[in-house]
Amino acid sequence: KECMHACRDSFIRGAQEWKIELSKRDIACNINFFMNV
């Protein structure tokens, strides 16, 4: 399953699109809207 796209990949791509410098620590624990855990 390692090759499958995941949310952290999308967060990194979004941060790149935002064009500011974010480190891994800035991709912190997120909200999962509509998710049941």
All heavy atoms as atom14 arrays in JSON, in Angstrom:
{
  "sequence": "KECMHACRDSFIRGAQEWKIELSKRDIACNINFFMNV",
  "atom14_mask": [
    [1, 1, 1, 1, 1, 1, 1, 1, 1, 0, 0, 0, 0, 0],
    [1, 1, 1, 1, 1, 1, 1, 1, 1, 0, 0, 0, 0, 0],
    [1, 1, 1, 1, 1, 1, 0, 0, 0, 0, 0, 0, 0, 0],
    [1, 1, 1, 1, 1, 1, 1, 1, 0, 0, 0, 0, 0, 0],
    [1, 1, 1, 1, 1, 1, 1, 1, 1, 1, 0, 0, 0, 0],
    [1, 1, 1, 1, 1, 0, 0, 0, 0, 0, 0, 0, 0, 0],
    [1, 1, 1, 1, 1, 1, 0, 0, 0, 0, 0, 0, 0, 0],
    [1, 1, 1, 1, 1, 1, 1, 1, 1, 1, 1, 0, 0, 0],
    [1, 1, 1, 1, 1, 1, 1, 1, 0, 0, 0, 0, 0, 0],
    [1, 1, 1, 1, 1, 1, 0, 0, 0, 0, 0, 0, 0, 0],
    [1, 1, 1, 1, 1, 1, 1, 1, 1, 1, 1, 0, 0, 0],
    [1, 1, 1, 1, 1, 1, 1, 1, 0, 0, 0, 0, 0, 0],
    [1, 1, 1, 1, 1, 1, 1, 1, 1, 1, 1, 0, 0, 0],
    [1, 1, 1, 1, 0, 0, 0, 0, 0, 0, 0, 0, 0, 0],
    [1, 1, 1, 1, 1, 0, 0, 0, 0, 0, 0, 0, 0, 0],
    [1, 1, 1, 1, 1, 1, 1, 1, 1, 0, 0, 0, 0, 0],
    [1, 1, 1, 1, 1, 1, 1, 1, 1, 0, 0, 0, 0, 0],
    [1, 1, 1, 1, 1, 1, 1, 1, 1, 1, 1, 1, 1, 1],
    [1, 1, 1, 1, 1, 1, 1, 1, 1, 0, 0, 0, 0, 0],
    [1, 1, 1, 1, 1, 1, 1, 1, 0, 0, 0, 0, 0, 0],
    [1, 1, 1, 1, 1, 1, 1, 1, 1, 0, 0, 0, 0, 0],
    [1, 1, 1, 1, 1, 1, 1, 1, 0, 0, 0, 0, 0, 0],
    [1, 1, 1, 1, 1, 1, 0, 0, 0, 0, 0, 0, 0, 0],
    [1, 1, 1, 1, 1, 1, 1, 1, 1, 0, 0, 0, 0, 0],
    [1, 1, 1, 1, 1, 1, 1, 1, 1, 1, 1, 0, 0, 0],
    [1, 1, 1, 1, 1, 1, 1, 1, 0, 0, 0, 0, 0, 0],
    [1, 1, 1, 1, 1, 1, 1, 1, 0, 0, 0, 0, 0, 0],
    [1, 1, 1, 1, 1, 0, 0, 0, 0, 0, 0, 0, 0, 0],
    [1, 1, 1, 1, 1, 1, 0, 0, 0, 0, 0, 0, 0, 0],
    [1, 1, 1, 1, 1, 1, 1, 1, 0, 0, 0, 0, 0, 0],
    [1, 1, 1, 1, 1, 1, 1, 1, 0, 0, 0, 0, 0, 0],
    [1, 1, 1, 1, 1, 1, 1, 1, 0, 0, 0, 0, 0, 0],
    [1, 1, 1, 1, 1, 1, 1, 1, 1, 1, 1, 0, 0, 0],
    [1, 1, 1, 1, 1, 1, 1, 1, 1, 1, 1, 0, 0, 0],
    [1, 1, 1, 1, 1, 1, 1, 1, 0, 0, 0, 0, 0, 0],
    [1, 1, 1, 1, 1, 1, 1, 1, 0, 0, 0, 0, 0, 0],
    [1, 1, 1, 1, 1, 1, 1, 0, 0, 0, 0, 0, 0, 0]
  ],
  "atom14_positions": [
    [[0.81, -1.21, 0.0], [0.0, 0.0, 0.0], [0.85, 1.27, 0.0], [0.31, 2.38, -0.1], [-0.92, 0.03, 1.23], [-1.79, -1.21, 1.4], [-2.74, -1.42, 0.24], [-3.67, -2.61, 0.53], [-4.56, -2.9, -0.61], [0.0, 0.0, 0.0], [0.0, 0.0, 0.0], [0.0, 0.0, 0.0], [0.0, 0.0, 0.0], [0.0, 0.0, 0.0]],
    [[2.17, 1.13, 0.11], [3.04, 2.29, 0.24], [2.93, 3.24, -0.94], [3.08, 4.46, -0.8], [4.49, 1.84, 0.41], [5.45, 2.89, 0.97], [5.98, 3.83, -0.09], [6.01, 3.44, -1.27], [6.39, 4.95, 0.27], [0.0, 0.0, 0.0], [0.0, 0.0, 0.0], [0.0, 0.0, 0.0], [0.0, 0.0, 0.0], [0.0, 0.0, 0.0]],
    [[2.66, 2.71, -2.11], [2.61, 3.54, -3.32], [1.32, 4.36, -3.43], [1.22, 5.25, -4.28], [2.78, 2.67, -4.55], [1.44, 1.46, -4.78], [0.0, 0.0, 0.0], [0.0, 0.0, 0.0], [0.0, 0.0, 0.0], [0.0, 0.0, 0.0], [0.0, 0.0, 0.0], [0.0, 0.0, 0.0], [0.0, 0.0, 0.0], [0.0, 0.0, 0.0]],
    [[0.34, 4.08, -2.57], [-0.96, 4.75, -2.7], [-0.87, 6.19, -2.23], [-0.21, 6.51, -1.24], [-2.03, 3.99, -1.9], [-2.26, 2.58, -2.39], [-3.52, 1.7, -1.43], [-4.99, 2.55, -1.97], [0.0, 0.0, 0.0], [0.0, 0.0, 0.0], [0.0, 0.0, 0.0], [0.0, 0.0, 0.0], [0.0, 0.0, 0.0], [0.0, 0.0, 0.0]],
    [[-1.56, 7.08, -2.94], [-1.61, 8.49, -2.57], [-2.27, 8.63, -1.2], [-3.14, 7.85, -0.83], [-2.41, 9.27, -3.61], [-2.42, 10.74, -3.38], [-1.28, 11.51, -3.44], [-3.42, 11.58, -3.03], [-1.59, 12.77, -3.18], [-2.89, 12.85, -2.92], [0.0, 0.0, 0.0], [0.0, 0.0, 0.0], [0.0, 0.0, 0.0], [0.0, 0.0, 0.0]],
    [[-1.81, 9.63, -0.42], [-2.31, 9.81, 0.94], [-2.44, 11.29, 1.26], [-1.93, 12.15, 0.54], [-1.37, 9.13, 1.94], [0.0, 0.0, 0.0], [0.0, 0.0, 0.0], [0.0, 0.0, 0.0], [0.0, 0.0, 0.0], [0.0, 0.0, 0.0], [0.0, 0.0, 0.0], [0.0, 0.0, 0.0], [0.0, 0.0, 0.0], [0.0, 0.0, 0.0]],
    [[-3.13, 11.58, 2.36], [-3.43, 12.97, 2.71], [-2.18, 13.79, 2.99], [-2.13, 14.98, 2.67], [-4.37, 13.02, 3.91], [-6.09, 12.63, 3.47], [0.0, 0.0, 0.0], [0.0, 0.0, 0.0], [0.0, 0.0, 0.0], [0.0, 0.0, 0.0], [0.0, 0.0, 0.0], [0.0, 0.0, 0.0], [0.0, 0.0, 0.0], [0.0, 0.0, 0.0]],
    [[-1.18, 13.21, 3.62], [0.04, 13.99, 3.88], [0.68, 14.44, 2.56], [1.24, 15.54, 2.49], [1.03, 13.2, 4.73], [0.67, 13.2, 6.2], [1.79, 12.66, 7.06], [2.97, 13.51, 7.07], [3.15, 14.54, 7.9], [2.21, 14.86, 8.78], [4.25, 15.25, 7.86], [0.0, 0.0, 0.0], [0.0, 0.0, 0.0], [0.0, 0.0, 0.0]],
    [[0.6, 13.62, 1.52], [1.09, 14.04, 0.21], [0.32, 15.27, -0.27], [0.91, 16.22, -0.79], [0.93, 12.91, -0.82], [1.71, 11.66, -0.47], [2.82, 11.79, 0.07], [1.2, 10.56, -0.71], [0.0, 0.0, 0.0], [0.0, 0.0, 0.0], [0.0, 0.0, 0.0], [0.0, 0.0, 0.0], [0.0, 0.0, 0.0], [0.0, 0.0, 0.0]],
    [[-1.0, 15.23, -0.11], [-1.83, 16.36, -0.55], [-1.54, 17.61, 0.26], [-1.5, 18.72, -0.28], [-3.32, 15.99, -0.45], [-3.66, 15.01, -1.4], [0.0, 0.0, 0.0], [0.0, 0.0, 0.0], [0.0, 0.0, 0.0], [0.0, 0.0, 0.0], [0.0, 0.0, 0.0], [0.0, 0.0, 0.0], [0.0, 0.0, 0.0], [0.0, 0.0, 0.0]],
    [[-1.37, 17.45, 1.57], [-1.03, 18.6, 2.4], [0.28, 19.25, 1.94], [0.4, 20.48, 1.86], [-0.91, 18.19, 3.87], [-2.22, 18.02, 4.59], [-2.33, 17.11, 5.63], [-3.34, 18.76, 4.25], [-3.53, 16.95, 6.32], [-4.55, 18.61, 4.92], [-4.63, 17.7, 5.97], [0.0, 0.0, 0.0], [0.0, 0.0, 0.0], [0.0, 0.0, 0.0]],
    [[1.27, 18.42, 1.63], [2.55, 18.95, 1.17], [2.39, 19.68, -0.15], [2.93, 20.77, -0.36], [3.59, 17.81, 1.06], [3.94, 17.3, 2.47], [4.85, 18.28, 0.33], [4.73, 16.02, 2.47], [0.0, 0.0, 0.0], [0.0, 0.0, 0.0], [0.0, 0.0, 0.0], [0.0, 0.0, 0.0], [0.0, 0.0, 0.0], [0.0, 0.0, 0.0]],
    [[1.6, 19.12, -1.06], [1.37, 19.77, -2.36], [0.62, 21.09, -2.16], [0.93, 22.09, -2.83], [0.57, 18.85, -3.28], [1.36, 17.67, -3.79], [2.48, 18.09, -4.76], [1.91, 18.66, -5.98], [2.06, 19.92, -6.35], [2.72, 20.78, -5.6], [1.51, 20.35, -7.47], [0.0, 0.0, 0.0], [0.0, 0.0, 0.0], [0.0, 0.0, 0.0]],
    [[-0.35, 21.12, -1.25], [-1.07, 22.35, -0.98], [-0.17, 23.41, -0.38], [-0.26, 24.6, -0.73], [0.0, 0.0, 0.0], [0.0, 0.0, 0.0], [0.0, 0.0, 0.0], [0.0, 0.0, 0.0], [0.0, 0.0, 0.0], [0.0, 0.0, 0.0], [0.0, 0.0, 0.0], [0.0, 0.0, 0.0], [0.0, 0.0, 0.0], [0.0, 0.0, 0.0]],
    [[0.71, 23.0, 0.54], [1.66, 23.94, 1.13], [2.6, 24.51, 0.08], [2.93, 25.7, 0.1], [2.45, 23.26, 2.24], [0.0, 0.0, 0.0], [0.0, 0.0, 0.0], [0.0, 0.0, 0.0], [0.0, 0.0, 0.0], [0.0, 0.0, 0.0], [0.0, 0.0, 0.0], [0.0, 0.0, 0.0], [0.0, 0.0, 0.0], [0.0, 0.0, 0.0]],
    [[3.01, 23.68, -0.87], [3.87, 24.16, -1.95], [3.12, 25.17, -2.82], [3.69, 26.18, -3.25], [4.33, 22.98, -2.8], [5.32, 22.06, -2.1], [5.58, 20.78, -2.87], [4.74, 20.33, -3.67], [6.73, 20.18, -2.64], [0.0, 0.0, 0.0], [0.0, 0.0, 0.0], [0.0, 0.0, 0.0], [0.0, 0.0, 0.0], [0.0, 0.0, 0.0]],
    [[1.85, 24.93, -3.06], [1.04, 25.85, -3.87], [0.87, 27.18, -3.15], [0.82, 28.24, -3.77], [-0.32, 25.22, -4.14], [-1.22, 26.03, -5.05], [-2.53, 25.32, -5.33], [-2.48, 24.16, -5.8], [-3.58, 25.91, -5.08], [0.0, 0.0, 0.0], [0.0, 0.0, 0.0], [0.0, 0.0, 0.0], [0.0, 0.0, 0.0], [0.0, 0.0, 0.0]],
    [[0.81, 27.14, -1.81], [0.67, 28.34, -1.01], [1.95, 29.18, -1.07], [1.95, 30.37, -0.83], [0.34, 27.94, 0.42], [-0.04, 29.04, 1.34], [-0.34, 30.34, 1.03], [-0.15, 28.95, 2.76], [-0.64, 31.06, 2.17], [-0.53, 30.22, 3.25], [0.02, 27.9, 3.67], [-0.72, 30.47, 4.59], [-0.19, 28.15, 5.0], [-0.55, 29.42, 5.46]],
    [[3.06, 28.53, -1.35], [4.36, 29.19, -1.55], [4.88, 29.89, -0.3], [5.38, 31.0, -0.33], [4.29, 30.19, -2.72], [3.99, 29.53, -4.06], [3.93, 30.52, -5.19], [3.6, 29.82, -6.5], [3.47, 30.77, -7.63], [0.0, 0.0, 0.0], [0.0, 0.0, 0.0], [0.0, 0.0, 0.0], [0.0, 0.0, 0.0], [0.0, 0.0, 0.0]],
    [[4.73, 29.2, 0.83], [5.43, 29.65, 2.03], [6.24, 28.47, 2.55], [6.01, 27.33, 2.15], [4.46, 30.14, 3.12], [3.62, 28.97, 3.66], [3.6, 31.27, 2.65], [2.99, 29.28, 4.98], [0.0, 0.0, 0.0], [0.0, 0.0, 0.0], [0.0, 0.0, 0.0], [0.0, 0.0, 0.0], [0.0, 0.0, 0.0], [0.0, 0.0, 0.0]],
    [[7.19, 28.76, 3.4], [8.05, 27.7, 3.91], [7.4, 27.04, 5.12], [7.25, 27.66, 6.17], [9.42, 28.26, 4.28], [10.23, 28.73, 3.08], [11.64, 29.11, 3.46], [12.04, 28.85, 4.61], [12.35, 29.68, 2.61], [0.0, 0.0, 0.0], [0.0, 0.0, 0.0], [0.0, 0.0, 0.0], [0.0, 0.0, 0.0], [0.0, 0.0, 0.0]],
    [[7.0, 25.79, 4.94], [6.48, 24.99, 6.04], [7.37, 23.77, 6.22], [7.84, 23.19, 5.24], [5.05, 24.52, 5.75], [3.95, 25.58, 5.67], [2.62, 24.91, 5.34], [3.83, 26.33, 6.98], [0.0, 0.0, 0.0], [0.0, 0.0, 0.0], [0.0, 0.0, 0.0], [0.0, 0.0, 0.0], [0.0, 0.0, 0.0], [0.0, 0.0, 0.0]],
    [[7.59, 23.39, 7.46], [8.36, 22.18, 7.74], [7.39, 21.05, 8.07], [6.17, 21.25, 8.15], [9.31, 22.42, 8.91], [8.58, 22.62, 10.1], [0.0, 0.0, 0.0], [0.0, 0.0, 0.0], [0.0, 0.0, 0.0], [0.0, 0.0, 0.0], [0.0, 0.0, 0.0], [0.0, 0.0, 0.0], [0.0, 0.0, 0.0], [0.0, 0.0, 0.0]],
    [[7.92, 19.85, 8.28], [7.07, 18.72, 8.62], [6.27, 18.96, 9.89], [5.14, 18.49, 10.02], [7.93, 17.45, 8.77], [8.48, 16.92, 7.46], [9.25, 15.63, 7.69], [9.77, 15.06, 6.39], [10.53, 13.8, 6.6], [0.0, 0.0, 0.0], [0.0, 0.0, 0.0], [0.0, 0.0, 0.0], [0.0, 0.0, 0.0], [0.0, 0.0, 0.0]],
    [[6.84, 19.72, 10.83], [6.13, 19.96, 12.09], [4.9, 20.82, 11.89], [3.99, 20.82, 12.72], [7.06, 20.6, 13.12], [7.51, 22.0, 12.77], [8.32, 22.62, 13.9], [7.47, 22.83, 15.05], [7.91, 23.35, 16.21], [9.17, 23.68, 16.34], [7.08, 23.53, 17.22], [0.0, 0.0, 0.0], [0.0, 0.0, 0.0], [0.0, 0.0, 0.0]],
    [[4.84, 21.55, 10.77], [3.68, 22.4, 10.5], [2.51, 21.62, 9.91], [1.4, 22.12, 9.85], [4.07, 23.54, 9.56], [5.12, 24.45, 10.18], [4.9, 24.91, 11.31], [6.17, 24.67, 9.56], [0.0, 0.0, 0.0], [0.0, 0.0, 0.0], [0.0, 0.0, 0.0], [0.0, 0.0, 0.0], [0.0, 0.0, 0.0], [0.0, 0.0, 0.0]],
    [[2.77, 20.4, 9.42], [1.69, 19.52, 8.98], [1.29, 18.71, 10.21], [1.68, 17.56, 10.4], [2.12, 18.6, 7.81], [2.75, 19.43, 6.7], [0.94, 17.8, 7.29], [1.81, 20.42, 6.04], [0.0, 0.0, 0.0], [0.0, 0.0, 0.0], [0.0, 0.0, 0.0], [0.0, 0.0, 0.0], [0.0, 0.0, 0.0], [0.0, 0.0, 0.0]],
    [[0.52, 19.35, 11.07], [0.22, 18.79, 12.4], [-1.06, 17.97, 12.37], [-1.67, 17.77, 11.31], [0.11, 19.93, 13.4], [0.0, 0.0, 0.0], [0.0, 0.0, 0.0], [0.0, 0.0, 0.0], [0.0, 0.0, 0.0], [0.0, 0.0, 0.0], [0.0, 0.0, 0.0], [0.0, 0.0, 0.0], [0.0, 0.0, 0.0], [0.0, 0.0, 0.0]],
    [[-1.49, 17.52, 13.54], [-2.72, 16.74, 13.65], [-3.9, 17.6, 13.18], [-4.08, 18.73, 13.63], [-2.93, 16.3, 15.09], [-4.28, 15.14, 15.32], [0.0, 0.0, 0.0], [0.0, 0.0, 0.0], [0.0, 0.0, 0.0], [0.0, 0.0, 0.0], [0.0, 0.0, 0.0], [0.0, 0.0, 0.0], [0.0, 0.0, 0.0], [0.0, 0.0, 0.0]],
    [[-4.68, 17.07, 12.28], [-5.7, 17.83, 11.56], [-7.11, 17.47, 12.01], [-7.32, 16.55, 12.79], [-5.57, 17.54, 10.05], [-5.71, 16.06, 9.77], [-4.77, 15.29, 9.97], [-6.87, 15.64, 9.29], [0.0, 0.0, 0.0], [0.0, 0.0, 0.0], [0.0, 0.0, 0.0], [0.0, 0.0, 0.0], [0.0, 0.0, 0.0], [0.0, 0.0, 0.0]],
    [[-8.06, 18.22, 11.47], [-9.48, 17.89, 11.63], [-9.88, 16.97, 10.48], [-9.49, 17.18, 9.33], [-10.34, 19.15, 11.58], [-9.94, 20.14, 12.66], [-11.83, 18.79, 11.71], [-10.54, 21.53, 12.48], [0.0, 0.0, 0.0], [0.0, 0.0, 0.0], [0.0, 0.0, 0.0], [0.0, 0.0, 0.0], [0.0, 0.0, 0.0], [0.0, 0.0, 0.0]],
    [[-10.67, 15.95, 10.79], [-11.27, 15.1, 9.76], [-12.77, 15.37, 9.73], [-13.55, 14.72, 10.44], [-10.99, 13.62, 10.06], [-9.52, 13.28, 9.96], [-8.87, 13.57, 8.96], [-8.99, 12.66, 11.0], [0.0, 0.0, 0.0], [0.0, 0.0, 0.0], [0.0, 0.0, 0.0], [0.0, 0.0, 0.0], [0.0, 0.0, 0.0], [0.0, 0.0, 0.0]],
    [[-13.15, 16.36, 8.92], [-14.57, 16.65, 8.82], [-15.31, 15.47, 8.18], [-14.84, 14.88, 7.21], [-14.8, 17.92, 8.02], [-14.45, 19.18, 8.76], [-13.4, 19.99, 8.34], [-15.16, 19.56, 9.9], [-13.07, 21.15, 9.03], [-14.84, 20.72, 10.59], [-13.8, 21.51, 10.16], [0.0, 0.0, 0.0], [0.0, 0.0, 0.0], [0.0, 0.0, 0.0]],
    [[-16.47, 15.13, 8.75], [-17.37, 14.05, 8.3], [-16.85, 12.65, 8.64], [-17.5, 11.67, 8.31], [-17.66, 14.12, 6.79], [-18.07, 15.48, 6.31], [-17.3, 16.18, 5.4], [-19.23, 16.07, 6.78], [-17.66, 17.45, 4.96], [-19.61, 17.34, 6.35], [-18.82, 18.03, 5.43], [0.0, 0.0, 0.0], [0.0, 0.0, 0.0], [0.0, 0.0, 0.0]],
    [[-15.7, 12.54, 9.29], [-15.11, 11.22, 9.55], [-15.52, 10.73, 10.93], [-15.58, 11.5, 11.89], [-13.59, 11.31, 9.44], [-12.87, 9.98, 9.44], [-11.18, 10.24, 8.86], [-10.39, 8.8, 9.53], [0.0, 0.0, 0.0], [0.0, 0.0, 0.0], [0.0, 0.0, 0.0], [0.0, 0.0, 0.0], [0.0, 0.0, 0.0], [0.0, 0.0, 0.0]],
    [[-15.78, 9.43, 11.04], [-16.26, 8.82, 12.27], [-15.15, 7.94, 12.87], [-14.87, 6.86, 12.36], [-17.52, 7.98, 11.98], [-18.11, 7.36, 13.23], [-17.92, 7.86, 14.34], [-18.84, 6.27, 13.05], [0.0, 0.0, 0.0], [0.0, 0.0, 0.0], [0.0, 0.0, 0.0], [0.0, 0.0, 0.0], [0.0, 0.0, 0.0], [0.0, 0.0, 0.0]],
    [[-14.53, 8.44, 13.94], [-13.44, 7.69, 14.6], [-13.77, 7.6, 16.09], [-13.26, 8.4, 16.89], [-12.07, 8.36, 14.38], [-10.95, 7.49, 14.95], [-11.82, 8.61, 12.9], [0.0, 0.0, 0.0], [0.0, 0.0, 0.0], [0.0, 0.0, 0.0], [0.0, 0.0, 0.0], [0.0, 0.0, 0.0], [0.0, 0.0, 0.0], [0.0, 0.0, 0.0]]
  ]
}
